[in-house]
Protein backbone atom coordinates (compact mmCIF):
# COMPACT_ATOMS: atom_id res chain seq x y z
CA MET A 1 -33.06 -58.94 -36.08
CA LYS A 2 -34.34 -62.38 -36.91
CA ARG A 3 -31.86 -64.16 -39.13
CA THR A 4 -33.23 -65.81 -42.23
CA LEU A 5 -31.96 -68.82 -44.01
CA THR A 6 -33.41 -70.08 -47.24
CA ILE A 7 -32.19 -73.17 -49.00
CA LEU A 8 -33.26 -74.34 -52.41
CA ILE A 9 -31.75 -77.58 -53.57
CA TYR A 10 -32.38 -78.95 -57.00
CA LEU A 11 -30.50 -82.00 -58.20
CA ALA A 12 -31.27 -82.65 -61.84
CA VAL A 13 -31.26 -86.27 -62.89
CA ILE A 14 -29.98 -86.36 -66.44
CA ASN A 15 -29.08 -89.44 -68.51
CA SER A 16 -27.74 -92.22 -66.26
CA LEU A 17 -26.92 -89.96 -63.34
CA LEU A 18 -27.57 -92.70 -60.78
CA ALA A 19 -25.61 -94.73 -58.19
CA VAL A 20 -22.62 -96.96 -58.91
CA ASN A 21 -23.44 -97.84 -62.49
CA LYS A 22 -21.20 -100.87 -62.88
CA TYR A 23 -18.47 -102.95 -61.29
CA SER A 24 -16.88 -106.36 -61.76
CA ILE A 25 -16.03 -109.31 -59.55
CA ASN A 26 -12.99 -108.54 -57.35
CA ASP A 27 -13.22 -104.78 -57.91
CA THR A 28 -12.18 -102.71 -54.89
CA LEU A 29 -14.75 -100.10 -53.86
CA TYR A 30 -15.01 -97.54 -51.07
CA VAL A 31 -17.84 -97.01 -48.60
CA ILE A 32 -19.07 -93.41 -49.00
CA ALA A 33 -21.28 -92.95 -45.93
CA LYS A 34 -21.00 -93.41 -42.18
CA ASP A 35 -22.09 -96.58 -40.37
CA VAL A 36 -23.32 -98.48 -43.42
CA ASN A 37 -24.83 -101.86 -42.51
CA PHE A 38 -22.93 -104.94 -43.70
CA ARG A 39 -25.54 -107.71 -43.63
CA SER A 40 -25.62 -111.50 -43.74
CA GLU A 41 -28.33 -111.57 -46.43
CA PRO A 42 -29.52 -109.12 -49.14
CA ASN A 43 -32.44 -107.64 -47.19
CA LEU A 44 -33.17 -105.20 -44.37
CA ASN A 45 -34.28 -107.93 -41.97
CA SER A 46 -31.05 -109.92 -42.01
CA LYS A 47 -28.36 -109.92 -39.34
CA ILE A 48 -25.96 -106.95 -39.27
CA LEU A 49 -22.43 -108.39 -39.38
CA ASP A 50 -20.72 -105.03 -38.99
CA LYS A 51 -21.14 -101.29 -39.52
CA LEU A 52 -18.74 -99.97 -42.11
CA SER A 53 -17.26 -96.50 -41.72
CA LEU A 54 -16.66 -93.86 -44.37
CA GLY A 55 -13.67 -94.82 -46.52
CA THR A 56 -13.75 -98.54 -45.71
CA ILE A 57 -12.38 -100.65 -48.57
CA VAL A 58 -14.42 -103.69 -49.65
CA THR A 59 -14.13 -106.25 -52.44
CA VAL A 60 -17.22 -106.95 -54.54
CA LEU A 61 -17.95 -110.59 -55.35
CA GLN A 62 -20.38 -110.11 -58.21
CA THR A 63 -20.72 -108.07 -61.39
CA LYS A 64 -23.08 -105.18 -62.07
CA TYR A 65 -23.54 -104.11 -65.68
CA ASN A 66 -26.02 -101.24 -65.40
CA LYS A 67 -28.74 -99.56 -63.32
CA ILE A 68 -31.67 -101.57 -64.69
CA GLY A 69 -33.79 -102.81 -61.82
CA ASP A 70 -32.22 -100.60 -59.16
CA LYS A 71 -34.59 -99.59 -56.36
CA ALA A 72 -34.64 -97.37 -53.29
CA LEU A 73 -34.58 -98.92 -49.83
CA ILE A 74 -36.52 -96.01 -48.36
CA LYS A 75 -39.87 -95.25 -50.01
CA ASP A 76 -40.84 -92.12 -48.05
CA LYS A 77 -40.25 -89.32 -50.55
CA SER A 78 -40.01 -86.71 -47.80
CA GLN A 79 -36.60 -88.22 -46.98
CA TRP A 80 -33.57 -87.58 -49.18
CA GLN A 81 -32.48 -91.22 -48.86
CA SER A 82 -35.42 -92.26 -51.04
CA ALA A 83 -33.48 -90.86 -54.01
CA LEU A 84 -30.64 -93.35 -53.44
CA THR A 85 -31.31 -96.29 -55.72
CA GLY A 86 -29.21 -99.41 -56.02
CA LYS A 87 -28.95 -103.17 -55.61
CA TRP A 88 -27.79 -105.47 -52.85
CA THR A 89 -24.34 -106.71 -53.75
CA LYS A 90 -22.20 -109.47 -52.29
CA ILE A 91 -18.92 -108.26 -50.80
CA LYS A 92 -15.95 -109.41 -48.76
CA PHE A 93 -14.74 -107.39 -45.81
CA ASP A 94 -12.29 -108.41 -43.09
CA ASP A 95 -12.49 -112.10 -44.14
CA LYS A 96 -16.27 -112.00 -43.82
CA ILE A 97 -18.73 -112.35 -46.70
CA GLY A 98 -22.05 -110.54 -46.71
CA TYR A 99 -24.13 -107.91 -48.48
CA ILE A 100 -24.27 -104.13 -48.76
CA PHE A 101 -26.60 -101.79 -50.65
CA ASP A 102 -24.41 -100.54 -53.49
CA ALA A 103 -25.72 -96.94 -53.49
CA TYR A 104 -23.23 -96.51 -50.62
CA LEU A 105 -20.24 -97.72 -52.65
CA SER A 106 -17.96 -95.82 -55.00
CA HIS A 107 -14.84 -96.20 -57.08
CA TYR A 108 -13.79 -92.92 -55.42
CA ASN A 109 -12.31 -92.55 -51.96
CA PHE A 110 -13.96 -89.30 -50.88
CA SER A 111 -10.89 -88.27 -48.87
CA ASP A 112 -8.92 -88.11 -52.14
CA ILE A 113 -11.31 -85.71 -53.86
CA GLU A 114 -9.70 -82.65 -52.27
CA SER A 115 -6.35 -84.15 -51.29
CA ASN A 116 -3.45 -81.69 -51.38
CA LYS A 117 -1.23 -84.58 -52.45
CA LEU A 118 -3.17 -84.77 -55.73
CA CYS A 119 -3.20 -81.02 -56.38
CA ILE A 120 -1.69 -80.01 -59.74
CA SER A 121 -2.42 -76.29 -59.62
CA HIS A 122 -4.10 -73.71 -57.41
CA ASP A 123 -4.60 -70.32 -59.09
CA THR A 124 -6.36 -67.06 -58.36
CA ILE A 125 -8.29 -65.94 -61.44
CA LEU A 126 -10.18 -62.81 -62.37
CA VAL A 127 -13.96 -63.30 -62.43
CA MET A 128 -16.39 -60.39 -62.69
CA ASP A 129 -18.30 -59.51 -59.48
CA TYR A 130 -16.00 -61.56 -57.25
CA VAL A 131 -13.38 -60.10 -54.91
CA ARG A 132 -11.47 -63.38 -54.93
CA TYR A 133 -11.91 -66.44 -57.11
CA THR A 134 -9.70 -69.54 -57.12
CA ARG A 135 -9.47 -72.67 -59.25
CA THR A 136 -7.82 -75.87 -58.07
CA ILE A 137 -7.07 -78.76 -60.44
CA TYR A 138 -6.29 -82.24 -59.14
CA PHE A 139 -4.39 -85.12 -60.69
CA ASN A 140 -7.53 -87.28 -60.67
CA GLY A 141 -9.28 -84.85 -63.05
CA ILE A 142 -11.34 -83.05 -60.40
CA ILE A 143 -11.69 -79.27 -60.61
CA LYS A 144 -12.78 -77.12 -57.69
CA GLU A 145 -13.64 -73.42 -57.93
CA SER A 146 -14.38 -71.04 -55.05
CA GLY A 147 -15.33 -67.38 -55.11
CA ILE A 148 -16.21 -64.63 -52.64
CA GLY A 149 -18.12 -61.49 -53.58
CA MET A 150 -19.24 -58.54 -51.48
CA GLU A 151 -22.26 -60.33 -50.00
CA TRP A 152 -22.19 -63.73 -51.66
CA GLY A 153 -19.99 -66.68 -52.42
CA ILE A 154 -19.78 -69.75 -54.61
CA GLU A 155 -18.21 -73.19 -54.44
CA MET A 156 -18.22 -75.61 -57.33
CA TYR A 157 -16.87 -79.12 -57.95
CA MET A 158 -16.49 -80.75 -61.37
CA ILE A 159 -15.93 -84.47 -60.87
CA PRO A 160 -15.50 -87.00 -63.71
CA ASP A 161 -17.38 -90.31 -63.71
CA PHE A 162 -19.33 -89.35 -60.59
CA THR A 163 -22.93 -90.43 -60.05
CA TYR A 164 -26.07 -88.89 -58.63
CA GLU A 165 -25.88 -90.85 -55.37
CA GLU A 166 -22.16 -90.17 -55.00
CA ALA A 167 -22.77 -86.44 -55.46
CA MET A 168 -25.50 -86.39 -52.81
CA LEU A 169 -23.44 -88.33 -50.27
CA PHE A 170 -20.36 -86.20 -51.00
CA ILE A 171 -22.11 -82.87 -50.42
CA LYS A 172 -24.28 -84.03 -47.52
CA PRO A 173 -21.71 -83.63 -44.70
CA LYS A 174 -20.48 -80.33 -46.17
CA ILE A 175 -23.84 -78.59 -46.27
CA ILE A 176 -26.87 -80.62 -45.34
CA ASP A 177 -25.59 -82.19 -42.13
CA LYS A 178 -24.21 -78.90 -40.84
CA SER A 179 -27.24 -76.72 -41.36
CA PHE A 180 -30.14 -78.56 -42.89
CA GLY A 181 -30.10 -82.07 -41.48
CA ASN A 182 -33.79 -82.40 -40.62
CA GLN A 183 -35.43 -80.87 -43.66
CA LYS A 184 -38.02 -82.63 -45.77
CA TRP A 185 -37.22 -83.28 -49.41
CA LEU A 186 -39.47 -83.00 -52.42
CA ILE A 187 -38.53 -85.83 -54.77
CA GLU A 188 -39.82 -85.97 -58.31
CA ASN A 189 -38.86 -87.92 -61.41
CA SER A 190 -36.45 -85.31 -62.72
CA LYS A 191 -35.21 -83.45 -59.66
CA ILE A 192 -34.94 -83.29 -55.91
CA GLY A 193 -35.81 -80.16 -53.99
CA MET A 194 -35.52 -78.95 -50.43
CA LYS A 195 -36.73 -75.67 -49.01
CA GLU A 196 -36.39 -74.05 -45.62
CA SER A 197 -36.81 -70.40 -44.76
CA ASP A 198 -36.57 -68.25 -41.66
CA GLY A 199 -35.31 -64.96 -43.08
CA ILE A 200 -32.47 -63.25 -45.02
CA SER A 201 -29.53 -65.53 -45.81
CA TYR A 202 -29.71 -68.01 -48.65
CA LEU A 203 -27.95 -71.04 -50.01
CA ASN A 204 -28.68 -72.61 -53.40
CA LEU A 205 -27.32 -75.98 -54.44
CA LYS A 206 -27.50 -77.63 -57.86
CA ILE A 207 -26.07 -80.91 -59.05
CA VAL A 208 -26.18 -81.62 -62.78
CA LYS A 209 -24.62 -83.93 -65.34
CA TYR A 210 -22.52 -82.32 -68.08
CA GLY A 211 -20.78 -84.72 -70.43
CA GLU A 212 -18.56 -87.02 -68.37
CA TYR A 213 -18.67 -84.69 -65.37
CA ILE A 214 -20.97 -84.17 -62.45
CA ILE A 215 -21.09 -80.48 -61.49
CA ILE A 216 -21.89 -79.67 -57.86
CA LYS A 217 -22.46 -75.96 -57.38
CA TYR A 218 -23.68 -74.01 -54.39
CA THR A 219 -24.01 -70.29 -53.87
CA PHE A 220 -24.67 -68.46 -50.63
CA GLY A 221 -25.16 -64.93 -49.40
CA VAL A 222 -27.37 -62.44 -47.62
């Protein structure tokens, strides 16, 4: 039987749910993507001084107060990267000074988001229609919930002070890179969508802003 996979991804942009919103001179930030270009000047045509790996620590040498004026480097709206908006910012890395596009920077080290060292509690809770449902709370304020039903499942992250770009780059290697790396995205003013179908299975992903938290939720099943 031909296996079917349908993915619907909607990422709602609510309030200021965008990129690294602010930082100050000498703040320490983390690179949140693989092989990010560290350039000699703040443009795409300048020399690449290095490629920075996921989790690299850099020091910013200028201040950002808000998102006003942020732009996307990639204009093609069929590509998910066109939703990543930011500014070129001056940084120091390994005694070298250059520039990086700040959509790829975060106050979070992604490896700490699910670190067992930061786990406060891990409990099994009773949730209707699920055979097993767990909730994990971390010292950094992050909450993760996972559930398995008869023919479906759910995974959800609630992360404080997270941004739209951070949420996309966090979930990308977990879902998009593994199964849906070459899909075209539909990008609008208020949401991002992606669809692919070849049969029976499904996966739905939503990322929304709720108070001080970003909620990343995906469900899957047959």
